[in-house]
Amino acid sequence: MRILVSGASIAGPVLAYWLTRHGFDVTVVERAPALRKTGGHAVDLFRPAMDITERMGVLPRVEALATGTTRMTLHREGAARPVRVDLSKIYRATSDRHVEIMRDDLSEIYYDAGRDDVEYLFGDSITALSPDGEVTFEHAAPRRFDVVVGADGLHSNVRRLVFGQEAGLTKFIGAYLAVLSLPDTLGLDGETVMHLGLGRTTGIYRARHMDEARAVFLFRRAEELDYHHRDVPRQKELLREAFAGMHPQVDGWLAELDGPGPFYFDSITQLQLDTWSRGRVTLVGDAGYCPGPAVGGSTSLAVLGAYVLAGELDAAGGDHERAFAAYEREMGELVRQSRAFAAGAARSLIPASRAGVWALANGGRLVSALPAGLTRAIAKLNTGGVRMHDSMRVKDYTVKTTA
C-alpha cells in the first residue's frame, strides 16, 4: 500500500516512521529544499509523546538536546523588583515526563529516525489530487497513491486542495506569536528573562547547545490584524507597534528585527474542522486540528495523532475509510480538550488586566516556594487543567511487521 505524506516538520516524519514499521510504502513530499532550519522555537513534549518518542528509539537524543532552561527572571511592567521562578518545579507539576526542545532539533531527530526507509521528495509540492489517488506535483511526474496525508501545518496546502472553503474554518483566539533569533548578549545559561505587561508578554532564552538566543513575543488583539502570512516586513512593523515602550531591554530585542536572524510571526488560531478526512485524504497535526501555536500543546498532539493514524491504518488492514473513522474517534476528545486548554492558556499567559499580571507573576513565585511534591500532588487533582497533556491516553499499537 502506497501512502503519500505532505510535510516534513514534526507530524510528517513521525507518521512516516510508524507507517513503515507497519509495513506501508511511504513517500514524503516537502516544499522546502531541505529540512527547515529557520531558527524555530522551543516546543514541549509531554508524557504520551515522550513515550512514543522512546518507542522510536530516539529519546536519548531528544533529552541530550533539551533546552536546559530551569530558571526564570520575570519583570512586571512598572514594578521595581523582578520575580524569580523555579521553572523545574513548574515542569514537574505539569508533567511526570517532559522535555523542552527546539522545534528544528526535534524535526531533524524524527526525520533521521526513519529516513532510510522513507522516500523524501524535497523542493516539491502537491498541486492537484484526484478522488482515485492520482497526485500531481509541481515538479515530479504524477503518481498514484492509496492514501494521502496532509501533515503540512496550519496553512496546509493539502487541506486547501481537498476541503476548499471549509479549509478556512478557523477560530482566532485573540493573540499573536512571534519568534526572533538574536545574539545572546545576556549570557543566558539555563535562564529565561521575561517582561510581562497588559496584553503583552515577551521573553528571551537560549538552548544550552546553541550560541544564539530566541526572543518570543505574545500579544493580544481583539480583532485579527491585516497582513499576509508571508509578508515579513509588515509582520515586523506590527510587532514593533505592539511592544513599543515596554522596556529598554525589549527595545534592544526589537532592534534585532533588522538583523539577519530568522523570524517567525503568526496568529494564535485554532482549526475548527469537525472531520479531518475526505475520500483517500486525511490530515494530521496542525494541518487538521491545530489547537493554537505555543499555547495548546500542538507538538505533543501532532506526535500522538501521527502514531494513532499509522496504528489505525495497520489495524484496518489498509482500509482507509475504516482507519480514518477510527483515527478521528481516538483523537476527537483529545483535540477538543486541547482547544479548550489553549483558549484558557492564551488568556493566562497574556493577561488583559493588572490583576491577571499580578496573578501570573505571583503564581510562579508561589509554585517556586512550595515543596515540589506538594505542587505536583495538587496539580494531579486537575487532569483537565495544567496536567491535561500529561493525562492523554492512546492505544498501544503493536507493530506486527517490519519495514
Foldseek 3Di string as FASTA:
>chain_A
DEEEEEDQFFLRLLLLQLLQLQPYAYEYEYQAQDQDDQPADKAKAADVLLVSCVVLVCNVVQQVQFLLAFKEWEAEFPDDGTFIFGNVLVVVQLHVDMTIHGRSSNSVSSCVSCVVRYHYHYNKDWDAADLQQWTDIPPDHIDGGQAYEYAHAQVTPVLCRPVPPLLPQKDFLFKKKKKWKAADPPPADSYKYKYAYAFKIKIKHGRNVDGIIMIMIMGGDPDDDDDDQVPLVVQLVVVCVRCPPRDVVVVVVSVCSPPDIRMHMDTFMWRDDPAQDDRRYGYAFRSRTRLGPPFQSRSNRRSVLSNQLSLLCSVVVNPRVRSRVVSCVLCVVVSVLSNVRRSVRSCQNNPNDPVSRVCNRVVSNVSRPDDSVVSNVVSVVCCSYSNVSNPRDDDDRDSPRHD
